[in-house]
Amino acid sequence: MTANQPLQLPWRLLLLDLIGTLLIALGLYESLTPDTRLFAKDYYAWALILAGLAIMLPAVKGLLAFLAQARRR
């Protein structure tokens, strides 16, 4: 990649990262505000946090691999 070419980010990985971030934020909101429940069960907050992490980890790994590959060019 030359210095004049802009970096083309993989948008699907960025979208996965955004979805994971939103799930983690919802889970944290659910667990930290007990008087305003979004869901009926208590374990839903932890399920949202774990699902968000499960989505974000491969996305972050893919983004880091993409950036490392782009840096080598």
N, C-alpha and C. Protein backbone atom coordinates (compact mmCIF):
# COMPACT_ATOMS: atom_id res chain seq x y z
N MET A 1 0.85 -1.17 0.00
CA MET A 1 0.00 0.00 0.00
C MET A 1 0.90 1.23 0.00
N THR A 2 0.65 2.12 -0.92
CA THR A 2 1.46 3.33 -0.99
C THR A 2 0.94 4.37 0.00
N ALA A 3 1.72 5.39 0.19
CA ALA A 3 1.35 6.43 1.15
C ALA A 3 0.16 7.25 0.68
N ASN A 4 -0.08 7.27 -0.63
CA ASN A 4 -1.18 8.08 -1.17
C ASN A 4 -2.53 7.38 -1.11
N GLN A 5 -2.53 6.07 -0.98
CA GLN A 5 -3.79 5.34 -0.95
C GLN A 5 -4.40 5.40 0.45
N PRO A 6 -5.70 5.67 0.53
CA PRO A 6 -6.35 5.66 1.84
C PRO A 6 -6.56 4.21 2.32
N LEU A 7 -6.61 4.04 3.60
CA LEU A 7 -6.80 2.73 4.20
C LEU A 7 -8.27 2.33 4.08
N GLN A 8 -8.55 1.20 3.46
CA GLN A 8 -9.92 0.71 3.31
C GLN A 8 -10.23 -0.27 4.44
N LEU A 9 -10.96 0.18 5.44
CA LEU A 9 -11.27 -0.66 6.59
C LEU A 9 -12.37 -1.67 6.23
N PRO A 10 -12.30 -2.86 6.80
CA PRO A 10 -13.37 -3.85 6.58
C PRO A 10 -14.61 -3.47 7.39
N TRP A 11 -15.62 -2.99 6.70
CA TRP A 11 -16.81 -2.46 7.37
C TRP A 11 -17.59 -3.52 8.13
N ARG A 12 -17.55 -4.76 7.69
CA ARG A 12 -18.30 -5.80 8.41
C ARG A 12 -17.69 -6.06 9.78
N LEU A 13 -16.37 -5.94 9.91
CA LEU A 13 -15.74 -6.09 11.21
C LEU A 13 -16.04 -4.91 12.12
N LEU A 14 -16.09 -3.72 11.53
CA LEU A 14 -16.47 -2.55 12.32
C LEU A 14 -17.92 -2.64 12.79
N LEU A 15 -18.79 -3.17 11.94
CA LEU A 15 -20.18 -3.36 12.31
C LEU A 15 -20.32 -4.38 13.44
N LEU A 16 -19.57 -5.48 13.36
CA LEU A 16 -19.59 -6.46 14.45
C LEU A 16 -19.09 -5.85 15.75
N ASP A 17 -18.07 -5.03 15.66
CA ASP A 17 -17.55 -4.37 16.86
C ASP A 17 -18.59 -3.43 17.45
N LEU A 18 -19.30 -2.71 16.61
CA LEU A 18 -20.35 -1.81 17.08
C LEU A 18 -21.49 -2.58 17.75
N ILE A 19 -21.91 -3.67 17.15
CA ILE A 19 -22.99 -4.48 17.74
C ILE A 19 -22.55 -5.05 19.09
N GLY A 20 -21.32 -5.54 19.16
CA GLY A 20 -20.81 -6.06 20.42
C GLY A 20 -20.74 -4.99 21.49
N THR A 21 -20.32 -3.80 21.11
CA THR A 21 -20.26 -2.69 22.06
C THR A 21 -21.64 -2.33 22.57
N LEU A 22 -22.62 -2.32 21.69
CA LEU A 22 -24.00 -2.01 22.11
C LEU A 22 -24.55 -3.08 23.05
N LEU A 23 -24.26 -4.35 22.77
CA LEU A 23 -24.72 -5.41 23.67
C LEU A 23 -24.08 -5.31 25.04
N ILE A 24 -22.79 -5.00 25.08
CA ILE A 24 -22.12 -4.83 26.37
C ILE A 24 -22.69 -3.62 27.12
N ALA A 25 -22.93 -2.54 26.40
CA ALA A 25 -23.50 -1.35 27.04
C ALA A 25 -24.88 -1.64 27.61
N LEU A 26 -25.71 -2.37 26.86
CA LEU A 26 -27.04 -2.74 27.37
C LEU A 26 -26.94 -3.63 28.60
N GLY A 27 -26.02 -4.58 28.56
CA GLY A 27 -25.83 -5.47 29.71
C GLY A 27 -25.35 -4.72 30.93
N LEU A 28 -24.41 -3.80 30.76
CA LEU A 28 -23.92 -3.01 31.89
C LEU A 28 -25.01 -2.09 32.42
N TYR A 29 -25.78 -1.50 31.53
CA TYR A 29 -26.89 -0.65 31.98
C TYR A 29 -27.90 -1.46 32.78
N GLU A 30 -28.18 -2.65 32.30
CA GLU A 30 -29.14 -3.53 32.97
C GLU A 30 -28.64 -3.94 34.35
N SER A 31 -27.35 -4.22 34.47
CA SER A 31 -26.84 -4.69 35.75
C SER A 31 -26.56 -3.56 36.74
N LEU A 32 -26.29 -2.35 36.25
CA LEU A 32 -25.95 -1.25 37.14
C LEU A 32 -27.13 -0.37 37.55
N THR A 33 -28.26 -0.52 36.89
CA THR A 33 -29.45 0.26 37.26
C THR A 33 -30.56 -0.71 37.64
N PRO A 34 -30.62 -1.12 38.90
CA PRO A 34 -31.60 -2.14 39.29
C PRO A 34 -33.05 -1.65 39.28
N ASP A 35 -33.29 -0.35 39.44
CA ASP A 35 -34.68 0.12 39.48
C ASP A 35 -35.30 0.31 38.11
N THR A 36 -34.52 0.34 37.06
CA THR A 36 -35.06 0.45 35.70
C THR A 36 -34.67 -0.79 34.91
N ARG A 37 -35.44 -1.81 35.01
CA ARG A 37 -35.16 -3.08 34.34
C ARG A 37 -35.67 -3.06 32.91
N LEU A 38 -34.81 -3.48 31.99
CA LEU A 38 -35.22 -3.64 30.60
C LEU A 38 -35.78 -5.03 30.35
N PHE A 39 -35.24 -6.01 31.09
CA PHE A 39 -35.63 -7.41 30.91
C PHE A 39 -36.09 -7.98 32.24
N ALA A 40 -36.85 -9.05 32.18
CA ALA A 40 -37.44 -9.61 33.40
C ALA A 40 -36.44 -10.40 34.24
N LYS A 41 -35.55 -11.10 33.63
CA LYS A 41 -34.63 -11.98 34.36
C LYS A 41 -33.32 -11.26 34.68
N ASP A 42 -32.71 -11.63 35.81
CA ASP A 42 -31.45 -11.00 36.22
C ASP A 42 -30.27 -11.46 35.39
N TYR A 43 -30.29 -12.69 34.93
CA TYR A 43 -29.14 -13.21 34.19
C TYR A 43 -29.08 -12.69 32.75
N TYR A 44 -30.08 -11.99 32.28
CA TYR A 44 -30.05 -11.43 30.93
C TYR A 44 -28.92 -10.41 30.77
N ALA A 45 -28.64 -9.67 31.83
CA ALA A 45 -27.57 -8.68 31.75
C ALA A 45 -26.23 -9.37 31.48
N TRP A 46 -25.95 -10.45 32.20
CA TRP A 46 -24.69 -11.18 31.99
C TRP A 46 -24.67 -11.86 30.63
N ALA A 47 -25.82 -12.32 30.19
CA ALA A 47 -25.89 -12.93 28.86
C ALA A 47 -25.59 -11.90 27.77
N LEU A 48 -26.09 -10.68 27.94
CA LEU A 48 -25.81 -9.61 26.97
C LEU A 48 -24.32 -9.26 26.96
N ILE A 49 -23.73 -9.18 28.15
CA ILE A 49 -22.30 -8.84 28.23
C ILE A 49 -21.47 -9.94 27.58
N LEU A 50 -21.77 -11.19 27.87
CA LEU A 50 -21.01 -12.30 27.28
C LEU A 50 -21.21 -12.38 25.77
N ALA A 51 -22.43 -12.15 25.30
CA ALA A 51 -22.68 -12.16 23.86
C ALA A 51 -21.93 -11.02 23.18
N GLY A 52 -21.90 -9.86 23.81
CA GLY A 52 -21.15 -8.74 23.25
C GLY A 52 -19.66 -9.02 23.16
N LEU A 53 -19.12 -9.64 24.21
CA LEU A 53 -17.70 -10.02 24.17
C LEU A 53 -17.43 -11.08 23.12
N ALA A 54 -18.34 -12.03 22.99
CA ALA A 54 -18.15 -13.08 21.99
C ALA A 54 -18.18 -12.52 20.57
N ILE A 55 -18.95 -11.48 20.36
CA ILE A 55 -18.99 -10.85 19.04
C ILE A 55 -17.78 -9.94 18.82
N MET A 56 -17.36 -9.24 19.86
CA MET A 56 -16.28 -8.26 19.71
C MET A 56 -14.90 -8.89 19.57
N LEU A 57 -14.63 -9.98 20.25
CA LEU A 57 -13.29 -10.55 20.22
C LEU A 57 -12.83 -10.95 18.82
N PRO A 58 -13.62 -11.69 18.05
CA PRO A 58 -13.17 -11.99 16.68
C PRO A 58 -13.08 -10.74 15.81
N ALA A 59 -13.97 -9.77 16.03
CA ALA A 59 -13.93 -8.55 15.24
C ALA A 59 -12.66 -7.76 15.54
N VAL A 60 -12.30 -7.64 16.79
CA VAL A 60 -11.08 -6.91 17.15
C VAL A 60 -9.85 -7.66 16.63
N LYS A 61 -9.86 -8.97 16.75
CA LYS A 61 -8.74 -9.77 16.23
C LYS A 61 -8.61 -9.57 14.72
N GLY A 62 -9.71 -9.59 14.01
CA GLY A 62 -9.68 -9.38 12.56
C GLY A 62 -9.22 -7.99 12.19
N LEU A 63 -9.66 -6.98 12.93
CA LEU A 63 -9.22 -5.61 12.65
C LEU A 63 -7.73 -5.44 12.91
N LEU A 64 -7.24 -6.02 13.99
CA LEU A 64 -5.81 -5.93 14.27
C LEU A 64 -4.97 -6.65 13.22
N ALA A 65 -5.46 -7.81 12.76
CA ALA A 65 -4.75 -8.53 11.70
C ALA A 65 -4.76 -7.73 10.41
N PHE A 66 -5.87 -7.09 10.10
CA PHE A 66 -5.95 -6.27 8.89
C PHE A 66 -4.99 -5.10 8.97
N LEU A 67 -4.93 -4.43 10.12
CA LEU A 67 -4.04 -3.29 10.27
C LEU A 67 -2.58 -3.72 10.23
N ALA A 68 -2.27 -4.87 10.79
CA ALA A 68 -0.89 -5.37 10.75
C ALA A 68 -0.50 -5.70 9.32
N GLN A 69 -1.41 -6.29 8.56
CA GLN A 69 -1.15 -6.62 7.16
C GLN A 69 -0.99 -5.34 6.33
N ALA A 70 -1.82 -4.35 6.60
CA ALA A 70 -1.72 -3.10 5.85
C ALA A 70 -0.42 -2.35 6.19
N ARG A 71 0.04 -2.52 7.40
CA ARG A 71 1.28 -1.85 7.81
C ARG A 71 2.49 -2.47 7.13
N ARG A 72 2.44 -3.78 6.89
CA ARG A 72 3.56 -4.48 6.25
C ARG A 72 3.71 -4.11 4.78
N ARG A 73 2.64 -3.69 4.15
CA ARG A 73 2.69 -3.37 2.71
C ARG A 73 3.39 -2.07 2.47
